[in-house]
Amino acid sequence: MKKVLQAIIILFISLNLYAQTFEGIGDFRIGMSFSDFKVWANSKQLPIIQMNTWQAVSLRGSSSGMWIYEPVHNKNKPENTPKDVNYVDGVTVVILNSYSVSDINIDRLKFTFLNDVLINIYSEFSNELEFALTAKYGNPRVENSSSSITCRSNFTGVSVTKSETMKRMYWRNDVIIAMGYDSSYYSNSCDLLKKRFLHISDEEKYLKYYRQNERGQITFAEDLKNKKMNELKNKLGDL
């Protein structure tokens, strides 16, 4: 708890967010250019590595342990294309594995740039970050919900009813919205699972991009399915 309080005090002094106007976090703010992002990366000696496969690769970052990659389409093996790849022209997605600001560690930041402009930051969400944002910007608007599900334990074989919870926290200005998401839920075998993330975006631009990208994902999946079907038909034709 002491560490959390210290982080909040430091945040008031040094967190790079303009006074009471939510624009981003640390060195990154909605509206910054991709060119400026690359300048930041160069200052940290972090090359942006392109990745076109699901397979784990060995990435060498700076002495800080950070590294950046850009997921891109795998033209030779489309089925191996990374899940975070973009499907909209004029958009660049890059992922930073970790980042620290005011002694708060943030894991896996995903940046979406539209026409060279940052429109979305997506990252892991922690108690320290939640407390810090609340201290800086005031209490968020909170939405809580819960539901019940039935699952069967692999250990006992008995079906039980479990309660799942979801909490959304919103900070926003006229253009930018930040949402902290915190949920607890259960698998079919009653394993407790948790999901937490922070989503900061230019709401209008990101929603438009998200819909376009979703359509692109669907088209990609359909094309991949048709390709596999045609390959199968060709093989069967040789029988």
C-alpha atoms as a PDB file:
ATOM      1  CA  MET A   1       0.000   0.000   0.000  1.00  0.00           C
ATOM      2  CA  LYS A   2       2.891   2.345   0.808  1.00  0.00           C
ATOM      3  CA  LYS A   3       4.278   1.840  -2.695  1.00  0.00           C
ATOM      4  CA  VAL A   4       0.883   2.703  -4.221  1.00  0.00           C
ATOM      5  CA  LEU A   5       0.632   5.922  -2.194  1.00  0.00           C
ATOM      6  CA  GLN A   6       4.167   6.915  -3.177  1.00  0.00           C
ATOM      7  CA  ALA A   7       3.335   6.313  -6.833  1.00  0.00           C
ATOM      8  CA  ILE A   8       0.260   8.529  -6.569  1.00  0.00           C
ATOM      9  CA  ILE A   9       2.244  11.364  -4.978  1.00  0.00           C
ATOM     10  CA  ILE A  10       4.944  11.125  -7.644  1.00  0.00           C
ATOM     11  CA  LEU A  11       2.262  11.004 -10.340  1.00  0.00           C
ATOM     12  CA  PHE A  12       0.927  14.420  -9.301  1.00  0.00           C
ATOM     13  CA  ILE A  13       4.376  15.874  -9.919  1.00  0.00           C
ATOM     14  CA  SER A  14       5.776  14.042 -12.913  1.00  0.00           C
ATOM     15  CA  LEU A  15       3.171  12.090 -14.880  1.00  0.00           C
ATOM     16  CA  ASN A  16       3.158  13.511 -18.403  1.00  0.00           C
ATOM     17  CA  LEU A  17      -0.553  14.222 -18.682  1.00  0.00           C
ATOM     18  CA  TYR A  18      -1.721  17.790 -19.157  1.00  0.00           C
ATOM     19  CA  ALA A  19      -3.469  19.206 -16.116  1.00  0.00           C
ATOM     20  CA  GLN A  20      -6.861  17.596 -15.669  1.00  0.00           C
ATOM     21  CA  THR A  21      -7.244  17.046 -19.422  1.00  0.00           C
ATOM     22  CA  PHE A  22      -7.030  13.400 -20.345  1.00  0.00           C
ATOM     23  CA  GLU A  23      -4.875  13.080 -23.456  1.00  0.00           C
ATOM     24  CA  GLY A  24      -2.865   9.928 -22.912  1.00  0.00           C
ATOM     25  CA  ILE A  25      -0.357   8.495 -20.522  1.00  0.00           C
ATOM     26  CA  GLY A  26       3.314   9.185 -19.921  1.00  0.00           C
ATOM     27  CA  ASP A  27       5.171   9.997 -23.136  1.00  0.00           C
ATOM     28  CA  PHE A  28       2.217   8.935 -25.266  1.00  0.00           C
ATOM     29  CA  ARG A  29      -0.846  11.027 -25.972  1.00  0.00           C
ATOM     30  CA  ILE A  30      -3.710  10.705 -28.393  1.00  0.00           C
ATOM     31  CA  GLY A  31      -2.934  12.804 -31.469  1.00  0.00           C
ATOM     32  CA  MET A  32       0.845  12.351 -31.441  1.00  0.00           C
ATOM     33  CA  SER A  33       2.350  11.414 -34.797  1.00  0.00           C
ATOM     34  CA  PHE A  34       3.930   8.089 -35.676  1.00  0.00           C
ATOM     35  CA  SER A  35       7.031  10.062 -36.590  1.00  0.00           C
ATOM     36  CA  ASP A  36       7.217  11.390 -33.021  1.00  0.00           C
ATOM     37  CA  PHE A  37       6.700   7.847 -31.708  1.00  0.00           C
ATOM     38  CA  LYS A  38       9.679   6.669 -33.763  1.00  0.00           C
ATOM     39  CA  VAL A  39      11.750   9.554 -32.389  1.00  0.00           C
ATOM     40  CA  TRP A  40      10.843   8.371 -28.875  1.00  0.00           C
ATOM     41  CA  ALA A  41      11.734   4.772 -29.788  1.00  0.00           C
ATOM     42  CA  ASN A  42      15.086   5.865 -31.227  1.00  0.00           C
ATOM     43  CA  SER A  43      15.858   7.808 -28.061  1.00  0.00           C
ATOM     44  CA  LYS A  44      15.410   4.545 -26.128  1.00  0.00           C
ATOM     45  CA  GLN A  45      17.422   2.587 -28.729  1.00  0.00           C
ATOM     46  CA  LEU A  46      14.354   0.517 -29.552  1.00  0.00           C
ATOM     47  CA  PRO A  47      14.064  -0.618 -33.181  1.00  0.00           C
ATOM     48  CA  ILE A  48      10.550  -1.389 -34.404  1.00  0.00           C
ATOM     49  CA  ILE A  49      10.686  -5.053 -35.423  1.00  0.00           C
ATOM     50  CA  GLN A  50       8.193  -6.363 -37.955  1.00  0.00           C
ATOM     51  CA  MET A  51       6.671  -9.753 -37.096  1.00  0.00           C
ATOM     52  CA  ASN A  52       4.581 -11.829 -39.486  1.00  0.00           C
ATOM     53  CA  THR A  53       4.100 -15.041 -37.531  1.00  0.00           C
ATOM     54  CA  TRP A  54       2.421 -16.438 -34.439  1.00  0.00           C
ATOM     55  CA  GLN A  55       5.575 -18.313 -33.544  1.00  0.00           C
ATOM     56  CA  ALA A  56       7.588 -17.009 -30.619  1.00  0.00           C
ATOM     57  CA  VAL A  57      10.686 -15.101 -31.630  1.00  0.00           C
ATOM     58  CA  SER A  58      13.661 -13.877 -29.668  1.00  0.00           C
ATOM     59  CA  LEU A  59      13.479 -10.104 -29.461  1.00  0.00           C
ATOM     60  CA  ARG A  60      16.367  -8.085 -28.153  1.00  0.00           C
ATOM     61  CA  GLY A  61      15.403  -4.798 -26.605  1.00  0.00           C
ATOM     62  CA  SER A  62      17.433  -2.149 -24.870  1.00  0.00           C
ATOM     63  CA  SER A  63      19.081  -2.552 -21.482  1.00  0.00           C
ATOM     64  CA  SER A  64      15.707  -1.540 -20.014  1.00  0.00           C
ATOM     65  CA  GLY A  65      14.186  -4.815 -21.206  1.00  0.00           C
ATOM     66  CA  MET A  66      11.728  -3.042 -23.507  1.00  0.00           C
ATOM     67  CA  TRP A  67      11.059  -3.972 -27.118  1.00  0.00           C
ATOM     68  CA  ILE A  68       8.637  -2.922 -29.860  1.00  0.00           C
ATOM     69  CA  TYR A  69       7.148  -4.913 -32.698  1.00  0.00           C
ATOM     70  CA  GLU A  70       4.800  -4.226 -35.588  1.00  0.00           C
ATOM     71  CA  PRO A  71       2.535  -7.173 -36.496  1.00  0.00           C
ATOM     72  CA  VAL A  72       2.297  -7.507 -40.292  1.00  0.00           C
ATOM     73  CA  HIS A  73       0.559  -9.844 -42.719  1.00  0.00           C
ATOM     74  CA  ASN A  74       2.251 -13.127 -43.577  1.00  0.00           C
ATOM     75  CA  LYS A  75       1.977 -13.284 -47.367  1.00  0.00           C
ATOM     76  CA  ASN A  76       3.495 -16.765 -47.666  1.00  0.00           C
ATOM     77  CA  LYS A  77       1.462 -18.354 -44.855  1.00  0.00           C
ATOM     78  CA  PRO A  78      -1.607 -16.192 -44.152  1.00  0.00           C
ATOM     79  CA  GLU A  79      -2.786 -18.610 -41.454  1.00  0.00           C
ATOM     80  CA  ASN A  80       0.252 -17.628 -39.360  1.00  0.00           C
ATOM     81  CA  THR A  81      -0.548 -13.907 -39.450  1.00  0.00           C
ATOM     82  CA  PRO A  82      -0.359 -12.406 -35.901  1.00  0.00           C
ATOM     83  CA  LYS A  83      -3.688 -11.676 -34.215  1.00  0.00           C
ATOM     84  CA  ASP A  84      -2.979  -7.949 -33.739  1.00  0.00           C
ATOM     85  CA  VAL A  85      -2.374  -7.276 -37.418  1.00  0.00           C
ATOM     86  CA  ASN A  86      -4.284  -4.393 -39.018  1.00  0.00           C
ATOM     87  CA  TYR A  87      -6.728  -4.725 -41.947  1.00  0.00           C
ATOM     88  CA  VAL A  88      -7.302  -1.046 -42.811  1.00  0.00           C
ATOM     89  CA  ASP A  89      -5.221   1.009 -45.254  1.00  0.00           C
ATOM     90  CA  GLY A  90      -3.396   3.944 -43.708  1.00  0.00           C
ATOM     91  CA  VAL A  91      -3.190   2.329 -40.262  1.00  0.00           C
ATOM     92  CA  THR A  92      -0.082   1.214 -38.375  1.00  0.00           C
ATOM     93  CA  VAL A  93      -0.227  -0.902 -35.204  1.00  0.00           C
ATOM     94  CA  VAL A  94       2.796  -1.268 -32.929  1.00  0.00           C
ATOM     95  CA  ILE A  95       3.148  -3.004 -29.579  1.00  0.00           C
ATOM     96  CA  LEU A  96       5.461  -2.052 -26.717  1.00  0.00           C
ATOM     97  CA  ASN A  97       5.998  -4.951 -24.315  1.00  0.00           C
ATOM     98  CA  SER A  98       6.350  -2.825 -21.157  1.00  0.00           C
ATOM     99  CA  TYR A  99       6.566   0.766 -20.006  1.00  0.00           C
ATOM    100  CA  SER A 100       7.149   2.494 -16.691  1.00  0.00           C
ATOM    101  CA  VAL A 101       5.970   5.945 -15.645  1.00  0.00           C
ATOM    102  CA  SER A 102       6.211   7.396 -12.135  1.00  0.00           C
ATOM    103  CA  ASP A 103       7.227   3.963 -10.788  1.00  0.00           C
ATOM    104  CA  ILE A 104       4.098   2.364 -12.228  1.00  0.00           C
ATOM    105  CA  ASN A 105       4.750  -0.540 -14.578  1.00  0.00           C
ATOM    106  CA  ILE A 106       2.345  -0.998 -17.492  1.00  0.00           C
ATOM    107  CA  ASP A 107       2.444  -4.199 -19.534  1.00  0.00           C
ATOM    108  CA  ARG A 108       1.848  -4.576 -23.261  1.00  0.00           C
ATOM    109  CA  LEU A 109       0.837  -1.251 -24.735  1.00  0.00           C
ATOM    110  CA  LYS A 110      -0.757  -1.445 -28.179  1.00  0.00           C
ATOM    111  CA  PHE A 111      -0.750   1.759 -30.251  1.00  0.00           C
ATOM    112  CA  THR A 112      -2.990   2.348 -33.269  1.00  0.00           C
ATOM    113  CA  PHE A 113      -1.985   5.128 -35.681  1.00  0.00           C
ATOM    114  CA  LEU A 114      -4.404   6.314 -38.382  1.00  0.00           C
ATOM    115  CA  ASN A 115      -2.798   8.377 -41.149  1.00  0.00           C
ATOM    116  CA  ASP A 116       0.275   8.900 -38.917  1.00  0.00           C
ATOM    117  CA  VAL A 117      -1.830  10.032 -35.916  1.00  0.00           C
ATOM    118  CA  LEU A 118      -2.286   8.062 -32.677  1.00  0.00           C
ATOM    119  CA  ILE A 119      -5.980   7.298 -32.120  1.00  0.00           C
ATOM    120  CA  ASN A 120      -5.843   4.484 -29.570  1.00  0.00           C
ATOM    121  CA  ILE A 121      -3.749   3.128 -26.694  1.00  0.00           C
ATOM    122  CA  TYR A 122      -4.615  -0.278 -25.257  1.00  0.00           C
ATOM    123  CA  SER A 123      -2.756  -1.747 -22.283  1.00  0.00           C
ATOM    124  CA  GLU A 124      -2.941  -3.957 -19.251  1.00  0.00           C
ATOM    125  CA  PHE A 125      -4.646  -2.357 -16.242  1.00  0.00           C
ATOM    126  CA  SER A 126      -3.498  -2.552 -12.614  1.00  0.00           C
ATOM    127  CA  ASN A 127      -4.670  -1.337  -9.209  1.00  0.00           C
ATOM    128  CA  GLU A 128      -1.732   1.106  -9.124  1.00  0.00           C
ATOM    129  CA  LEU A 129      -2.757   2.617 -12.457  1.00  0.00           C
ATOM    130  CA  GLU A 130      -6.412   2.823 -11.427  1.00  0.00           C
ATOM    131  CA  PHE A 131      -5.525   4.618  -8.175  1.00  0.00           C
ATOM    132  CA  ALA A 132      -3.156   6.979  -9.993  1.00  0.00           C
ATOM    133  CA  LEU A 133      -5.693   7.947 -12.658  1.00  0.00           C
ATOM    134  CA  THR A 134      -8.338   8.529  -9.997  1.00  0.00           C
ATOM    135  CA  ALA A 135      -5.958  10.692  -7.971  1.00  0.00           C
ATOM    136  CA  LYS A 136      -5.055  12.727 -11.065  1.00  0.00           C
ATOM    137  CA  TYR A 137      -8.447  13.067 -12.748  1.00  0.00           C
ATOM    138  CA  GLY A 138     -10.977  12.400 -10.012  1.00  0.00           C
ATOM    139  CA  ASN A 139     -13.432   9.574  -9.571  1.00  0.00           C
ATOM    140  CA  PRO A 140     -14.435   7.916 -12.834  1.00  0.00           C
ATOM    141  CA  ARG A 141     -17.964   7.146 -13.877  1.00  0.00           C
ATOM    142  CA  VAL A 142     -18.403   3.522 -12.839  1.00  0.00           C
ATOM    143  CA  GLU A 143     -20.652   0.836 -14.304  1.00  0.00           C
ATOM    144  CA  ASN A 144     -20.977  -2.449 -12.419  1.00  0.00           C
ATOM    145  CA  SER A 145     -22.750  -5.587 -13.560  1.00  0.00           C
ATOM    146  CA  SER A 146     -22.960  -9.202 -12.449  1.00  0.00           C
ATOM    147  CA  SER A 147     -24.418 -12.455 -13.686  1.00  0.00           C
ATOM    148  CA  SER A 148     -24.621 -16.105 -12.689  1.00  0.00           C
ATOM    149  CA  ILE A 149     -23.345 -19.065 -14.673  1.00  0.00           C
ATOM    150  CA  THR A 150     -23.306 -22.819 -14.167  1.00  0.00           C
ATOM    151  CA  CYS A 151     -20.058 -24.715 -14.619  1.00  0.00           C
ATOM    152  CA  ARG A 152     -18.830 -28.235 -13.892  1.00  0.00           C
ATOM    153  CA  SER A 153     -15.685 -28.747 -11.872  1.00  0.00           C
ATOM    154  CA  ASN A 154     -13.142 -31.109 -13.422  1.00  0.00           C
ATOM    155  CA  PHE A 155     -12.001 -31.997  -9.922  1.00  0.00           C
ATOM    156  CA  THR A 156     -15.356 -32.951  -8.351  1.00  0.00           C
ATOM    157  CA  GLY A 157     -17.528 -33.455 -11.428  1.00  0.00           C
ATOM    158  CA  VAL A 158     -20.245 -31.440  -9.697  1.00  0.00           C
ATOM    159  CA  SER A 159     -22.133 -28.602 -11.392  1.00  0.00           C
ATOM    160  CA  VAL A 160     -22.104 -25.368  -9.391  1.00  0.00           C
ATOM    161  CA  THR A 161     -23.417 -21.838  -9.839  1.00  0.00           C
ATOM    162  CA  LYS A 162     -20.857 -19.068  -9.869  1.00  0.00           C
ATOM    163  CA  SER A 163     -21.206 -15.276  -9.846  1.00  0.00           C
ATOM    164  CA  GLU A 164     -19.334 -13.282 -12.501  1.00  0.00           C
ATOM    165  CA  THR A 165     -18.635  -9.555 -12.149  1.00  0.00           C
ATOM    166  CA  MET A 166     -17.703  -6.772 -14.533  1.00  0.00           C
ATOM    167  CA  LYS A 167     -16.641  -3.200 -13.744  1.00  0.00           C
ATOM    168  CA  ARG A 168     -16.099  -0.386 -16.213  1.00  0.00           C
ATOM    169  CA  MET A 169     -14.493   2.932 -15.211  1.00  0.00           C
ATOM    170  CA  TYR A 170     -14.668   5.971 -17.517  1.00  0.00           C
ATOM    171  CA  TRP A 171     -12.583   9.145 -17.612  1.00  0.00           C
ATOM    172  CA  ARG A 172     -13.121  11.476 -20.557  1.00  0.00           C
ATOM    173  CA  ASN A 173     -12.907  14.917 -22.105  1.00  0.00           C
ATOM    174  CA  ASP A 174     -14.746  16.230 -25.173  1.00  0.00           C
ATOM    175  CA  VAL A 175     -12.860  13.986 -27.610  1.00  0.00           C
ATOM    176  CA  ILE A 176     -10.887  11.378 -25.686  1.00  0.00           C
ATOM    177  CA  ILE A 177     -12.314   8.579 -23.589  1.00  0.00           C
ATOM    178  CA  ALA A 178     -10.384   6.303 -21.242  1.00  0.00           C
ATOM    179  CA  MET A 179     -12.003   3.112 -20.021  1.00  0.00           C
ATOM    180  CA  GLY A 180     -10.614   0.819 -17.345  1.00  0.00           C
ATOM    181  CA  TYR A 181     -12.101  -2.672 -17.534  1.00  0.00           C
ATOM    182  CA  ASP A 182     -12.018  -5.244 -14.707  1.00  0.00           C
ATOM    183  CA  SER A 183     -13.864  -8.566 -14.842  1.00  0.00           C
ATOM    184  CA  SER A 184     -13.894 -11.910 -13.033  1.00  0.00           C
ATOM    185  CA  TYR A 185     -15.468 -14.886 -14.775  1.00  0.00           C
ATOM    186  CA  TYR A 186     -15.348 -18.693 -14.924  1.00  0.00           C
ATOM    187  CA  SER A 187     -14.493 -21.274 -17.526  1.00  0.00           C
ATOM    188  CA  ASN A 188     -16.753 -24.264 -18.265  1.00  0.00           C
ATOM    189  CA  SER A 189     -14.638 -26.232 -15.792  1.00  0.00           C
ATOM    190  CA  CYS A 190     -15.081 -23.563 -13.058  1.00  0.00           C
ATOM    191  CA  ASP A 191     -11.594 -22.082 -13.297  1.00  0.00           C
ATOM    192  CA  LEU A 192     -11.591 -18.472 -12.108  1.00  0.00           C
ATOM    193  CA  LEU A 193     -10.373 -16.106 -14.840  1.00  0.00           C
ATOM    194  CA  LYS A 194      -9.687 -12.375 -14.751  1.00  0.00           C
ATOM    195  CA  LYS A 195      -9.420  -9.767 -17.470  1.00  0.00           C
ATOM    196  CA  ARG A 196      -8.215  -6.194 -16.961  1.00  0.00           C
ATOM    197  CA  PHE A 197      -7.292  -3.583 -19.549  1.00  0.00           C
ATOM    198  CA  LEU A 198      -7.112   0.158 -20.136  1.00  0.00           C
ATOM    199  CA  HIS A 199      -8.428   1.612 -23.380  1.00  0.00           C
ATOM    200  CA  ILE A 200      -7.686   5.268 -24.307  1.00  0.00           C
ATOM    201  CA  SER A 201      -8.900   6.613 -27.635  1.00  0.00           C
ATOM    202  CA  ASP A 202     -10.179   9.374 -29.840  1.00  0.00           C
ATOM    203  CA  GLU A 203     -13.625   7.856 -29.562  1.00  0.00           C
ATOM    204  CA  GLU A 204     -15.124   8.850 -32.915  1.00  0.00           C
ATOM    205  CA  LYS A 205     -12.058   8.018 -35.013  1.00  0.00           C
ATOM    206  CA  TYR A 206     -11.358   4.744 -33.250  1.00  0.00           C
ATOM    207  CA  LEU A 207     -14.937   3.456 -33.515  1.00  0.00           C
ATOM    208  CA  LYS A 208     -14.907   4.136 -37.256  1.00  0.00           C
ATOM    209  CA  TYR A 209     -11.560   2.360 -37.605  1.00  0.00           C
ATOM    210  CA  TYR A 210     -12.693  -0.546 -35.398  1.00  0.00           C
ATOM    211  CA  ARG A 211     -15.711  -1.250 -37.600  1.00  0.00           C
ATOM    212  CA  GLN A 212     -13.617  -1.122 -40.768  1.00  0.00           C
ATOM    213  CA  ASN A 213     -10.977  -3.373 -39.252  1.00  0.00           C
ATOM    214  CA  GLU A 214     -13.608  -5.856 -38.082  1.00  0.00           C
ATOM    215  CA  ARG A 215     -14.969  -6.114 -41.631  1.00  0.00           C
ATOM    216  CA  GLY A 216     -11.410  -6.630 -42.856  1.00  0.00           C
ATOM    217  CA  GLN A 217     -10.897  -9.448 -40.354  1.00  0.00           C
ATOM    218  CA  ILE A 218     -14.066 -11.168 -41.537  1.00  0.00           C
ATOM    219  CA  THR A 219     -13.031 -10.869 -45.176  1.00  0.00           C
ATOM    220  CA  PHE A 220      -9.555 -12.205 -44.339  1.00  0.00           C
ATOM    221  CA  ALA A 221     -11.037 -15.209 -42.512  1.00  0.00           C
ATOM    222  CA  GLU A 222     -13.411 -15.942 -45.398  1.00  0.00           C
ATOM    223  CA  ASP A 223     -10.616 -15.686 -47.976  1.00  0.00           C
ATOM    224  CA  LEU A 224      -8.437 -17.999 -45.899  1.00  0.00           C
ATOM    225  CA  LYS A 225     -11.272 -20.505 -45.581  1.00  0.00           C
ATOM    226  CA  ASN A 226     -11.947 -20.429 -49.337  1.00  0.00           C
ATOM    227  CA  LYS A 227      -8.240 -20.866 -50.038  1.00  0.00           C
ATOM    228  CA  LYS A 228      -8.106 -23.977 -47.859  1.00  0.00           C
ATOM    229  CA  MET A 229     -11.252 -25.365 -49.484  1.00  0.00           C
ATOM    230  CA  ASN A 230      -9.792 -24.876 -52.956  1.00  0.00           C
ATOM    231  CA  GLU A 231      -6.548 -26.550 -51.910  1.00  0.00           C
ATOM    232  CA  LEU A 232      -8.537 -29.479 -50.546  1.00  0.00           C
ATOM    233  CA  LYS A 233     -10.572 -29.747 -53.739  1.00  0.00           C
ATOM    234  CA  ASN A 234      -7.394 -29.808 -55.803  1.00  0.00           C
ATOM    235  CA  LYS A 235      -5.990 -32.610 -53.673  1.00  0.00           C
ATOM    236  CA  LEU A 236      -9.210 -34.608 -53.921  1.00  0.00           C
ATOM    237  CA  GLY A 237      -9.187 -34.111 -57.656  1.00  0.00           C
ATOM    238  CA  ASP A 238      -5.988 -36.153 -57.822  1.00  0.00           C
ATOM    239  CA  LEU A 239      -7.603 -39.196 -56.195  1.00  0.00           C
END
